[in-house]
Protein backbone atom coordinates (compact mmCIF):
# COMPACT_ATOMS: atom_id res chain seq x y z
CA MET A 1 -84.66 -14.70 71.62
CA THR A 2 -86.36 -11.91 69.69
CA THR A 3 -88.03 -12.67 66.42
CA ALA A 4 -88.14 -10.35 63.44
CA PRO A 5 -91.52 -9.27 62.06
CA GLY A 6 -92.83 -11.86 59.67
CA ALA A 7 -90.74 -14.68 61.11
CA ALA A 8 -93.77 -16.41 62.52
CA ALA A 9 -95.24 -16.66 59.04
CA THR A 10 -92.20 -18.52 57.69
CA GLY A 11 -91.34 -20.57 60.74
CA GLU A 12 -87.76 -19.32 60.50
CA ARG A 13 -85.57 -17.65 63.09
CA THR A 14 -84.93 -14.45 61.17
CA GLY A 15 -84.10 -12.15 64.06
CA PRO A 16 -80.65 -10.58 64.04
CA HIS A 17 -77.78 -12.40 65.65
CA PRO A 18 -76.78 -10.67 68.88
CA ASN A 19 -73.25 -10.31 67.54
CA ALA A 20 -74.04 -9.61 63.88
CA GLN A 21 -72.47 -6.57 62.28
CA SER A 22 -74.53 -3.60 61.17
CA PRO A 23 -75.84 -3.41 57.60
CA ARG A 24 -73.26 -2.92 54.88
CA ALA A 25 -72.01 0.64 54.58
CA GLY A 26 -70.87 2.43 51.46
CA GLY A 27 -73.30 0.98 48.92
CA PRO A 28 -75.87 -1.76 48.34
CA GLY A 29 -75.37 -5.29 49.56
CA LEU A 30 -76.19 -8.55 47.84
CA ALA A 31 -79.87 -9.10 47.05
CA ARG A 32 -81.59 -11.78 49.14
CA GLU A 33 -83.78 -12.99 46.27
CA MET A 34 -82.88 -16.68 45.85
CA GLY A 35 -85.50 -19.21 46.92
CA LEU A 36 -85.25 -22.88 47.86
CA LEU A 37 -85.48 -24.07 44.25
CA GLY A 38 -82.70 -21.74 43.14
CA LEU A 39 -80.43 -22.85 45.97
CA THR A 40 -81.15 -26.53 45.29
CA ALA A 41 -80.51 -25.99 41.58
CA THR A 42 -77.17 -24.37 42.43
CA GLY A 43 -76.08 -27.47 44.34
CA VAL A 44 -77.44 -30.03 41.87
CA CYS A 45 -76.07 -28.20 38.84
CA ALA A 46 -72.62 -27.90 40.44
CA MET A 47 -72.61 -31.62 41.33
CA VAL A 48 -74.10 -33.47 38.35
CA GLY A 49 -71.67 -32.98 35.48
CA ALA A 50 -68.99 -34.85 33.59
CA ALA A 51 -67.81 -36.78 36.63
CA VAL A 52 -70.72 -39.23 36.84
CA ASN A 53 -70.42 -39.93 33.11
CA ILE A 54 -66.71 -40.78 33.39
CA ILE A 55 -65.35 -41.60 36.86
CA PRO A 56 -67.52 -44.68 37.72
CA PHE A 57 -66.22 -46.35 34.53
CA MET A 58 -62.65 -45.06 34.25
CA ILE A 59 -62.24 -46.20 37.85
CA GLN A 60 -61.58 -49.65 36.40
CA ARG A 61 -58.26 -48.24 35.14
CA GLN A 62 -57.48 -46.00 38.10
CA VAL A 63 -58.19 -48.68 40.73
CA PRO A 64 -57.42 -52.05 39.08
CA GLY A 65 -59.25 -54.87 40.77
CA ILE A 66 -62.37 -52.93 41.75
CA GLY A 67 -64.21 -55.05 39.16
CA PRO A 68 -67.89 -55.57 40.06
CA HIS A 69 -67.66 -53.62 43.33
CA VAL A 70 -68.14 -50.09 41.98
CA LEU A 71 -71.59 -49.76 43.56
CA PRO A 72 -70.41 -50.70 47.09
CA ALA A 73 -67.59 -48.18 46.63
CA TYR A 74 -70.19 -45.55 45.69
CA LEU A 75 -72.13 -46.29 48.87
CA LEU A 76 -68.93 -45.85 50.88
CA ALA A 77 -68.17 -42.59 49.07
CA GLY A 78 -71.60 -41.29 50.08
CA VAL A 79 -70.80 -41.57 53.82
CA PRO A 80 -68.30 -38.66 54.03
CA ALA A 81 -70.45 -36.69 51.58
CA VAL A 82 -73.44 -36.98 53.93
CA LEU A 83 -71.30 -36.07 56.94
CA ALA A 84 -69.87 -33.03 55.14
CA GLY A 85 -73.39 -32.06 54.07
CA LEU A 86 -74.61 -32.23 57.67
CA ALA A 87 -71.68 -30.09 58.81
CA TYR A 88 -72.44 -27.50 56.13
CA ALA A 89 -76.14 -27.52 57.01
CA MET A 90 -75.45 -26.93 60.71
CA LEU A 91 -73.01 -24.10 60.08
CA ALA A 92 -75.19 -22.52 57.37
CA SER A 93 -78.15 -22.32 59.74
CA ALA A 94 -76.08 -20.22 62.15
CA MET A 95 -73.96 -18.17 59.70
CA PRO A 96 -75.97 -17.43 56.54
CA ARG A 97 -73.52 -15.23 54.65
CA ALA A 98 -71.88 -15.12 51.23
CA GLY A 99 -68.72 -17.20 51.03
CA GLY A 100 -70.17 -19.72 53.47
CA SER A 101 -67.26 -22.14 53.96
CA TYR A 102 -64.78 -19.29 54.45
CA VAL A 103 -67.06 -17.58 56.95
CA TYR A 104 -67.69 -20.81 58.87
CA ALA A 105 -64.02 -21.73 59.31
CA SER A 106 -62.86 -18.16 59.99
CA ARG A 107 -65.42 -17.78 62.81
CA ALA A 108 -65.18 -21.32 64.22
CA LEU A 109 -61.46 -22.07 63.79
CA SER A 110 -59.30 -19.10 62.82
CA PRO A 111 -59.19 -16.44 60.09
CA TYR A 112 -56.01 -18.03 58.73
CA LEU A 113 -57.47 -21.51 58.34
CA GLY A 114 -60.65 -20.06 56.88
CA PHE A 115 -58.77 -18.07 54.26
CA ILE A 116 -56.11 -20.49 53.04
CA ALA A 117 -58.51 -23.44 52.86
CA SER A 118 -61.02 -21.41 50.86
CA PHE A 119 -58.20 -19.89 48.79
CA SER A 120 -57.13 -23.34 47.61
CA GLN A 121 -60.81 -24.18 47.04
CA TRP A 122 -61.24 -21.02 44.94
CA PHE A 123 -58.09 -21.78 42.93
CA ALA A 124 -59.00 -25.40 42.29
CA LEU A 125 -62.64 -24.70 41.38
CA SER A 126 -61.62 -21.86 39.08
CA VAL A 127 -59.16 -24.13 37.26
CA VAL A 128 -61.75 -26.91 37.05
CA MET A 129 -64.25 -24.45 35.56
CA GLY A 130 -61.74 -23.99 32.77
CA VAL A 131 -61.43 -27.77 32.44
CA VAL A 132 -65.22 -28.16 32.27
CA ALA A 133 -65.48 -25.50 29.57
CA PHE A 134 -62.69 -27.20 27.62
CA LEU A 135 -64.43 -30.61 27.80
CA ILE A 136 -67.71 -29.38 26.32
CA THR A 137 -66.57 -29.46 22.69
CA PRO A 138 -65.83 -33.23 22.54
CA PHE A 139 -69.41 -33.93 23.62
CA LEU A 140 -70.69 -31.60 20.88
CA ARG A 141 -68.42 -33.42 18.43
CA ASP A 142 -69.87 -36.79 19.48
CA ILE A 143 -73.39 -35.45 18.89
CA ALA A 144 -72.34 -34.41 15.38
CA LEU A 145 -70.84 -37.86 14.75
CA ALA A 146 -74.00 -39.60 15.97
CA LEU A 147 -75.98 -37.46 13.52
CA GLU A 148 -73.39 -38.25 10.82
CA TRP A 149 -72.48 -34.59 10.44
CA ARG A 150 -68.85 -35.51 9.81
CA GLY A 151 -67.85 -32.12 8.45
CA VAL A 152 -69.14 -30.42 11.60
CA ALA A 153 -67.36 -32.99 13.76
CA THR A 154 -64.08 -32.37 11.94
CA THR A 155 -64.45 -28.61 12.40
CA LEU A 156 -65.15 -29.05 16.12
CA GLU A 157 -61.94 -31.06 16.52
CA SER A 158 -59.90 -28.05 15.38
CA GLY A 159 -57.91 -26.62 18.28
CA GLY A 160 -58.91 -23.03 17.58
CA VAL A 161 -62.61 -23.86 17.34
CA ARG A 162 -62.50 -25.90 20.55
CA LEU A 163 -60.81 -23.02 22.38
CA ALA A 164 -63.32 -20.49 21.04
CA ILE A 165 -66.31 -22.61 22.10
CA ALA A 166 -64.86 -23.15 25.59
CA LEU A 167 -64.30 -19.43 26.10
CA ALA A 168 -67.73 -18.54 24.69
CA VAL A 169 -69.50 -20.92 27.07
CA LEU A 170 -67.46 -19.74 30.06
CA TRP A 171 -68.11 -16.07 29.45
CA SER A 172 -71.80 -16.71 28.75
CA ALA A 173 -71.97 -18.20 32.24
CA THR A 174 -70.18 -15.09 33.49
CA ALA A 175 -72.76 -12.82 31.84
CA LEU A 176 -75.55 -14.83 33.47
CA ASN A 177 -73.97 -14.44 36.91
CA MET A 178 -73.50 -10.73 36.32
CA SER A 179 -77.16 -10.24 35.37
CA GLY A 180 -78.54 -10.86 38.86
CA VAL A 181 -79.87 -13.59 41.11
CA LYS A 182 -83.36 -13.61 39.57
CA SER A 183 -82.05 -14.17 36.04
CA TYR A 184 -79.68 -16.84 37.35
CA GLU A 185 -82.49 -18.66 39.14
CA ARG A 186 -84.85 -18.51 36.15
CA LEU A 187 -82.30 -20.39 34.03
CA MET A 188 -80.73 -22.76 36.56
CA VAL A 189 -83.97 -24.29 37.86
CA PRO A 190 -85.08 -25.51 34.37
CA LEU A 191 -81.53 -26.70 33.66
CA MET A 192 -81.61 -28.75 36.86
CA PHE A 193 -84.82 -30.50 35.82
CA LEU A 194 -83.55 -30.96 32.25
CA THR A 195 -80.31 -32.55 33.50
CA LEU A 196 -82.13 -34.96 35.80
CA GLY A 197 -84.69 -35.75 33.09
CA LEU A 198 -82.04 -36.54 30.49
CA GLY A 199 -80.16 -38.55 33.09
CA ALA A 200 -83.33 -40.55 33.65
CA VAL A 201 -83.14 -41.56 29.97
CA VAL A 202 -79.74 -43.13 30.69
CA ILE A 203 -81.15 -44.94 33.73
CA VAL A 204 -84.15 -46.31 31.82
CA ALA A 205 -82.02 -47.30 28.82
CA GLY A 206 -79.48 -49.05 31.02
CA PHE A 207 -82.05 -51.15 32.85
CA ALA A 208 -84.04 -51.83 29.67
CA HIS A 209 -81.16 -53.63 27.94
CA SER A 210 -79.35 -56.82 28.92
CA GLN A 211 -75.74 -57.87 28.79
CA ALA A 212 -76.71 -60.45 26.16
CA GLU A 213 -77.93 -57.63 23.90
CA PHE A 214 -74.72 -55.78 24.58
CA ALA A 215 -72.65 -58.86 23.62
CA SER A 216 -74.61 -59.25 20.39
CA ALA A 217 -74.07 -55.57 19.49
CA VAL A 218 -70.33 -55.85 20.14
CA ALA A 219 -70.10 -59.00 18.02
CA THR A 220 -71.88 -57.22 15.16
CA ARG A 221 -69.25 -54.49 15.24
CA GLY A 222 -66.48 -57.09 14.84
CA ASP A 223 -64.35 -55.69 17.67
CA VAL A 224 -62.04 -58.61 18.51
CA ALA A 225 -60.57 -57.19 21.72
CA ALA A 226 -64.01 -56.25 22.99
CA GLY A 227 -65.26 -59.70 22.03
CA PHE A 228 -62.70 -61.33 24.31
CA ALA A 229 -63.84 -59.09 27.19
CA ILE A 230 -67.46 -60.05 26.55
CA ALA A 231 -66.54 -63.73 26.44
CA ALA A 232 -64.87 -63.36 29.81
CA ALA A 233 -67.98 -61.68 31.17
CA GLN A 234 -70.24 -64.44 29.84
CA ALA A 235 -68.00 -67.13 31.29
CA GLY A 236 -68.48 -65.49 34.65
CA GLY A 237 -68.37 -67.69 37.67
CA ALA A 238 -68.18 -70.90 35.67
CA ASP A 239 -64.52 -70.52 34.75
CA GLN A 240 -63.36 -67.69 36.97
CA ALA A 241 -63.14 -67.13 40.70
CA PRO A 242 -65.28 -64.21 41.84
CA VAL A 243 -63.43 -60.93 42.37
CA GLU A 244 -63.05 -60.50 46.12
CA MET A 245 -64.07 -57.19 47.65
CA ARG A 246 -61.02 -55.84 49.49
CA LEU A 247 -60.61 -52.67 51.52
CA SER A 248 -57.33 -52.06 49.68
CA THR A 249 -59.33 -51.43 46.50
CA LEU A 250 -62.69 -50.37 47.94
CA VAL A 251 -61.37 -47.35 49.88
CA PRO A 252 -59.24 -45.86 47.04
CA ALA A 253 -62.20 -46.35 44.69
CA ALA A 254 -64.51 -44.61 47.17
CA VAL A 255 -62.06 -41.68 47.40
CA LEU A 256 -62.18 -41.22 43.62
CA LEU A 257 -65.96 -41.56 43.52
CA PHE A 258 -66.22 -38.99 46.31
CA ALA A 259 -65.08 -36.44 43.72
CA THR A 260 -68.49 -36.71 42.06
CA PHE A 261 -70.15 -35.30 45.21
CA ILE A 262 -68.14 -32.08 45.14
CA GLY A 263 -70.37 -29.09 44.39
CA PHE A 264 -73.08 -28.93 47.04
CA ASP A 265 -70.94 -26.41 48.94
CA SER A 266 -71.96 -23.85 46.28
CA ILE A 267 -75.27 -23.63 48.14
CA ALA A 268 -73.50 -22.40 51.26
CA GLN A 269 -71.49 -19.83 49.28
CA ALA A 270 -74.81 -18.26 48.20
CA GLY A 271 -75.79 -17.68 51.83
CA GLY A 272 -75.86 -13.91 51.35
CA GLU A 273 -78.53 -14.15 48.63
CA ALA A 274 -81.02 -16.64 50.12
CA ARG A 275 -84.42 -15.20 51.02
CA ARG A 276 -84.87 -17.44 54.06
CA PRO A 277 -81.31 -18.55 54.71
CA SER A 278 -81.58 -20.31 58.06
CA ARG A 279 -84.27 -22.61 56.70
CA ASP A 280 -83.53 -22.85 52.98
CA LEU A 281 -79.74 -23.28 53.03
CA PRO A 282 -79.76 -26.50 55.14
CA LEU A 283 -82.85 -27.81 53.34
CA ALA A 284 -81.30 -27.23 49.91
CA ILE A 285 -78.11 -29.01 51.02
CA PHE A 286 -80.13 -32.02 52.23
CA ILE A 287 -82.16 -32.20 49.01
CA ALA A 288 -79.09 -31.82 46.77
CA VAL A 289 -76.87 -34.35 48.55
CA GLY A 290 -79.63 -36.92 49.10
CA GLY A 291 -81.20 -36.60 45.67
CA VAL A 292 -77.92 -36.62 43.79
CA ALA A 293 -76.64 -39.64 45.77
CA VAL A 294 -79.69 -41.67 44.69
CA PHE A 295 -79.31 -40.41 41.10
CA TYR A 296 -75.62 -41.37 40.98
CA PHE A 297 -76.29 -44.88 42.30
CA LEU A 298 -79.11 -45.58 39.81
CA PHE A 299 -77.14 -44.05 36.92
CA THR A 300 -74.06 -46.18 37.57
CA ALA A 301 -76.09 -49.34 38.26
CA ALA A 302 -78.00 -48.89 34.99
CA VAL A 303 -74.86 -48.62 32.85
CA TYR A 304 -73.22 -51.64 34.50
CA ASN A 305 -76.49 -53.55 34.07
CA THR A 306 -75.99 -53.31 30.30
CA ALA A 307 -72.20 -53.23 29.96
CA PRO A 308 -70.37 -56.07 31.78
CA TRP A 309 -67.70 -54.79 34.13
CA GLN A 310 -65.13 -57.01 32.39
CA TYR A 311 -65.81 -55.17 29.14
CA VAL A 312 -65.65 -51.78 30.88
CA ALA A 313 -62.35 -52.70 32.53
CA ALA A 314 -60.84 -53.95 29.26
CA GLU A 315 -61.94 -50.86 27.34
CA ALA A 316 -60.75 -48.52 30.11
CA MET A 317 -57.24 -49.90 29.66
CA ARG A 318 -57.37 -49.08 25.93
CA ARG A 319 -59.13 -45.72 25.87
CA ASP A 320 -61.29 -43.27 27.83
CA VAL A 321 -64.78 -44.71 28.36
CA THR A 322 -67.96 -42.82 29.23
CA ALA A 323 -71.56 -43.68 30.00
CA PRO A 324 -72.81 -42.38 26.60
CA GLY A 325 -70.10 -44.35 24.81
CA LEU A 326 -71.00 -47.57 26.60
CA LEU A 327 -74.75 -47.32 26.13
CA GLY A 328 -74.29 -46.12 22.55
CA VAL A 329 -73.29 -49.71 21.69
CA VAL A 330 -76.90 -50.90 22.09
CA LEU A 331 -78.92 -47.76 21.40
CA PRO A 332 -80.19 -46.47 18.05
CA PRO A 333 -78.62 -43.21 16.82
CA PHE A 334 -81.45 -40.97 18.08
CA TRP A 335 -81.15 -42.14 21.69
CA SER A 336 -77.35 -42.06 21.47
CA VAL A 337 -77.67 -38.37 20.58
CA VAL A 338 -80.01 -37.84 23.54
CA ILE A 339 -77.65 -39.33 26.11
CA VAL A 340 -74.60 -37.54 24.70
CA ALA A 341 -76.65 -34.33 24.75
CA SER A 342 -77.51 -35.04 28.39
CA ALA A 343 -73.80 -35.15 29.22
CA ALA A 344 -73.22 -31.90 27.29
CA VAL A 345 -76.06 -30.15 29.15
CA ALA A 346 -74.70 -31.47 32.44
CA LEU A 347 -71.34 -29.90 31.64
CA ILE A 348 -72.68 -26.54 30.44
CA LYS A 349 -74.86 -25.96 33.48
CA ASP A 350 -71.93 -26.69 35.82
CA LEU A 351 -70.33 -23.37 35.00
CA PRO A 352 -72.87 -20.80 36.30
CA ALA A 353 -73.27 -22.67 39.61
CA MET A 354 -69.53 -23.10 40.14
CA LEU A 355 -68.87 -19.47 39.22
CA LEU A 356 -71.44 -18.29 41.74
CA GLY A 357 -69.69 -20.27 44.47
CA VAL A 358 -66.11 -19.18 43.80
CA SER A 359 -66.98 -15.51 43.27
CA ARG A 360 -68.74 -15.34 46.65
CA LEU A 361 -65.61 -16.66 48.33
CA MET A 362 -63.62 -13.75 46.91
CA PHE A 363 -66.38 -11.35 47.90
CA ALA A 364 -66.35 -12.62 51.50
CA TRP A 365 -62.57 -12.26 51.79
CA ALA A 366 -62.75 -8.67 50.62
CA GLU A 367 -65.66 -7.93 52.98
CA ASP A 368 -63.47 -9.03 55.89
CA GLY A 369 -60.55 -6.95 54.65
CA ILE A 370 -58.13 -9.79 53.89
CA PHE A 371 -58.34 -9.23 50.15
CA PRO A 372 -58.38 -5.97 48.16
CA LYS A 373 -61.55 -4.05 49.08
CA VAL A 374 -62.49 -3.44 45.44
CA VAL A 375 -63.38 -7.13 45.12
CA ALA A 376 -66.26 -6.56 47.56
CA ALA A 377 -67.90 -4.05 45.20
CA VAL A 378 -71.59 -4.73 44.48
CA HIS A 379 -73.19 -3.51 41.27
CA PRO A 380 -75.64 -0.76 42.27
CA ARG A 381 -78.44 -1.97 39.97
CA LEU A 382 -77.88 -5.71 39.51
CA ARG A 383 -76.79 -6.29 43.15
CA THR A 384 -74.12 -8.80 42.11
CA PRO A 385 -70.43 -8.86 43.15
CA HIS A 386 -69.33 -8.02 39.63
CA VAL A 387 -65.60 -7.56 40.36
CA ALA A 388 -65.40 -10.94 42.13
CA ILE A 389 -67.31 -12.62 39.28
CA LEU A 390 -65.03 -11.14 36.61
CA SER A 391 -61.90 -12.03 38.60
CA SER A 392 -63.01 -15.65 39.03
CA ALA A 393 -63.93 -15.89 35.33
CA ALA A 394 -60.47 -14.57 34.43
CA MET A 395 -58.90 -17.33 36.55
CA ALA A 396 -61.12 -19.91 34.84
CA THR A 397 -59.99 -18.55 31.48
CA ILE A 398 -56.42 -19.39 32.48
CA GLY A 399 -57.70 -22.92 33.18
CA VAL A 400 -59.14 -23.10 29.65
CA LEU A 401 -55.89 -21.92 28.12
CA GLY A 402 -53.87 -24.32 30.27
CA SER A 403 -56.03 -27.27 29.19
CA HIS A 404 -55.68 -26.20 25.56
CA LEU A 405 -51.89 -25.83 25.68
CA ALA A 406 -51.09 -28.82 27.89
CA GLY A 407 -53.70 -31.22 26.55
CA ASN A 408 -54.01 -32.72 30.07
CA TRP A 409 -56.82 -31.86 32.46
CA PHE A 410 -56.60 -34.65 35.09
CA LEU A 411 -54.24 -32.66 37.31
CA GLY A 412 -56.88 -29.97 37.87
CA VAL A 413 -59.37 -32.59 39.06
CA ASP A 414 -56.85 -34.10 41.49
CA ILE A 415 -56.07 -30.66 42.93
CA LEU A 416 -59.78 -30.06 43.39
CA VAL A 417 -60.22 -33.33 45.30
CA THR A 418 -57.35 -32.42 47.64
CA ALA A 419 -58.68 -28.91 48.22
CA MET A 420 -62.25 -30.05 48.87
CA LEU A 421 -61.27 -32.90 51.20
CA VAL A 422 -59.32 -30.36 53.29
CA ASN A 423 -62.27 -27.96 53.11
CA PHE A 424 -64.83 -30.57 54.18
CA LEU A 425 -62.51 -31.76 56.95
CA LEU A 426 -62.32 -28.20 58.31
CA MET A 427 -66.10 -27.89 58.17
CA SER A 428 -66.45 -30.98 60.35
CA LEU A 429 -63.81 -29.60 62.71
CA SER A 430 -65.69 -26.26 62.81
CA VAL A 431 -68.78 -28.05 64.10
CA LEU A 432 -66.69 -29.25 67.05
CA THR A 433 -64.98 -25.93 67.84
CA LEU A 434 -67.74 -23.36 67.20
CA PRO A 435 -69.38 -23.56 70.69
CA ARG A 436 -66.05 -22.94 72.41
CA ARG A 437 -64.79 -20.23 70.06
CA ASN A 438 -68.09 -18.42 69.46
CA PRO A 439 -70.91 -19.63 71.73
CA THR A 440 -73.26 -16.85 70.57
CA LEU A 441 -73.17 -18.03 66.96
CA ALA A 442 -73.30 -21.66 68.08
CA ALA A 443 -76.60 -20.95 69.84
CA HIS A 444 -78.14 -20.21 66.43
CA VAL A 445 -77.46 -23.67 64.99
CA SER A 446 -80.94 -24.99 64.17
CA VAL A 447 -79.92 -28.23 62.40
CA LEU A 448 -79.10 -30.95 64.95
CA PRO A 449 -79.03 -28.37 67.76
CA ALA A 450 -78.30 -30.98 70.46
CA ARG A 451 -74.60 -30.90 71.27
CA PRO A 452 -74.15 -34.72 71.49
CA GLN A 453 -75.46 -35.04 67.91
CA GLN A 454 -73.07 -32.33 66.73
CA VAL A 455 -70.11 -34.08 68.38
CA VAL A 456 -70.98 -37.40 66.72
CA VAL A 457 -71.32 -35.85 63.25
CA GLY A 458 -68.24 -33.63 63.61
CA THR A 459 -66.02 -36.39 64.97
CA ALA A 460 -67.13 -38.93 62.36
CA GLY A 461 -66.56 -36.34 59.63
CA VAL A 462 -63.05 -35.53 60.84
CA LEU A 463 -62.08 -39.21 61.04
CA ILE A 464 -63.56 -40.39 57.74
CA LEU A 465 -62.64 -37.33 55.68
CA GLY A 466 -59.17 -37.46 57.23
CA LEU A 467 -58.84 -41.07 56.12
CA PHE A 468 -59.95 -40.17 52.61
CA LEU A 469 -57.41 -37.33 52.51
CA VAL A 470 -54.59 -39.63 53.62
CA VAL A 471 -55.52 -42.25 51.01
CA HIS A 472 -55.80 -39.64 48.23
CA THR A 473 -52.46 -38.06 49.15
CA TRP A 474 -50.71 -41.44 49.36
CA ARG A 475 -51.99 -42.45 45.93
CA ASP A 476 -50.91 -39.11 44.50
CA LEU A 477 -47.39 -39.24 45.94
CA THR A 478 -46.71 -42.90 45.17
CA GLY A 479 -48.39 -43.24 41.78
CA PRO A 480 -46.58 -42.82 38.46
CA ALA A 481 -45.98 -39.26 37.26
CA ALA A 482 -43.75 -37.74 34.59
CA ALA A 483 -42.59 -34.94 36.92
CA TRP A 484 -43.31 -33.60 40.41
CA TYR A 485 -45.51 -30.82 39.02
CA PHE A 486 -47.91 -33.43 37.64
CA ARG A 487 -48.73 -34.45 41.22
CA SER A 488 -51.60 -32.62 42.87
CA THR A 489 -50.17 -32.52 46.40
CA PRO A 490 -47.06 -30.39 45.66
CA VAL A 491 -49.09 -28.06 43.46
CA TRP A 492 -51.73 -27.71 46.19
CA LEU A 493 -49.02 -26.94 48.76
CA ILE A 494 -47.65 -24.20 46.50
CA VAL A 495 -51.15 -22.72 46.25
CA MET A 496 -51.43 -22.85 50.04
CA ALA A 497 -48.10 -21.03 50.35
CA LEU A 498 -49.34 -18.30 47.97
CA GLY A 499 -52.54 -17.99 50.00
CA SER A 500 -50.53 -17.71 53.21
CA ALA A 501 -48.45 -14.90 51.72
CA VAL A 502 -51.60 -13.02 50.66
CA TYR A 503 -53.12 -13.51 54.11
CA ALA A 504 -50.00 -12.31 55.95
CA THR A 505 -49.75 -9.20 53.76
CA GLU A 506 -53.40 -8.21 54.14
CA MET A 507 -53.48 -8.98 57.86
CA ARG A 508 -50.46 -6.73 58.46
CA ARG A 509 -52.24 -3.98 56.58
CA LEU A 510 -55.38 -4.44 58.67
CA ARG A 511 -53.50 -4.25 61.94
CA ALA A 512 -51.48 -1.24 60.75
CA SER A 513 -54.72 0.60 59.97
CA GLY A 514 -55.93 0.10 63.55
CA VAL A 515 -58.62 -2.52 62.86
CA ASP A 516 -59.66 -4.66 65.84
CA VAL A 517 -58.88 -7.95 64.09
CA ALA A 518 -60.10 -10.17 66.91
CA GLY A 519 -63.37 -8.26 67.12
CA ARG A 520 -63.94 -8.36 63.36
CA PHE A 521 -63.64 -12.13 63.17
CA ALA A 522 -65.80 -12.67 66.24
CA VAL A 523 -68.92 -11.50 64.38
CA LEU A 524 -70.54 -12.16 61.03
CA PRO A 525 -69.72 -10.01 57.99
CA PRO A 526 -72.25 -7.26 57.22
CA GLU A 527 -75.29 -7.96 55.07
């Protein structure tokens, strides 16, 4: 294999793929200016957000009976996340292009599967961006309450103010993405370290306090219902049989906790802007998934070390509980402000990373000709896909408005879990089919290059992610819901139908214009 000049210095296979397309015609391409830290920050910032502050505790309501077994469920949730991360890393090493997951599936499976799976991913992530922006204001309100700025807190609870803040934060993230990869990286790397540093405060605080201190603080507040929950926790094994760990609760809990791992795929979507993609994309995925998994486990263990699970379960049945709210029982006001601020920062920095990922999906579709070509436009000076960024931000704005009008944001999260489980399942399947469908690209896989290793990872990913998808769908279809449109599965299927219609229309246009469709999808998109 030939090696490009300078490849020896980096230790990376940077020579052109034998079947790669020629450089992008008709204008500048995306700028390959993002380093390993920027890619890692993209993954970490898209992963560590509101979910870890809420889901490991509200799971006591969503999966009754999980009790003290949240940490084992988290370990189980990490298994498919690691398998999906390995699949992404393998495919990214061979196909480093913008819109990674779409490119991988369209070249390893079929253009149709690549498009509709990534279309539902784009839709769900765009809606969830709106949800994230809408959830920022309550955290700001809680900071104001902790500081006893009650007038400010009352103002923030106003519907119009909350909507304005959500839109301002969303479009600030849009402006950052528009400004170029270097500006994006300069902000996201510090935000990554700030998020992890503030999260470390929660971990230290959780392990520094005992359940006895927590019980004393609850008693001081005079909360009778909470007092009963604490009494049950203190009685423990003396008067109560231990809660048995059952697969019937462990697996559904793991499926919900798996939602907290969604986000590392944003690294792959930035494949067209990585300086050393074949090396840095897989490495960033490994660092993000591994580092965040350890962070999640310590974070959750610390909170449950202070707050007894019986108390968390009882409170979850009465109201929404969060990590800052639980630890705030034993912390002085200053540290309560710090941990609420950490959650707010975690939310705010989600948006630029998520927007980068979804906009590159749109860009990749347009590059292949299965979406309007204007979406593939690259700003001549900033070298960013400005039309795709603005289009994705507009979709997220609809998510903000929907959250504001409906007052319910859980549906968007459920749709995202469905879309991403399907997406990760297809990535594992792509690992298995790539050598048969495109052996030239498969030869460039540099992560686990031995075929037996690829088969083990791909097969395990298909089986475990498939199981998670079945469990999630069953819970969605059999659980209580006010109407069918409050279930994620039917809504996701409607989105898939819309994506199929778009695909069929654009594919007919391509064939009518004389494009060699089979040849186009046998090679990588242009740089």
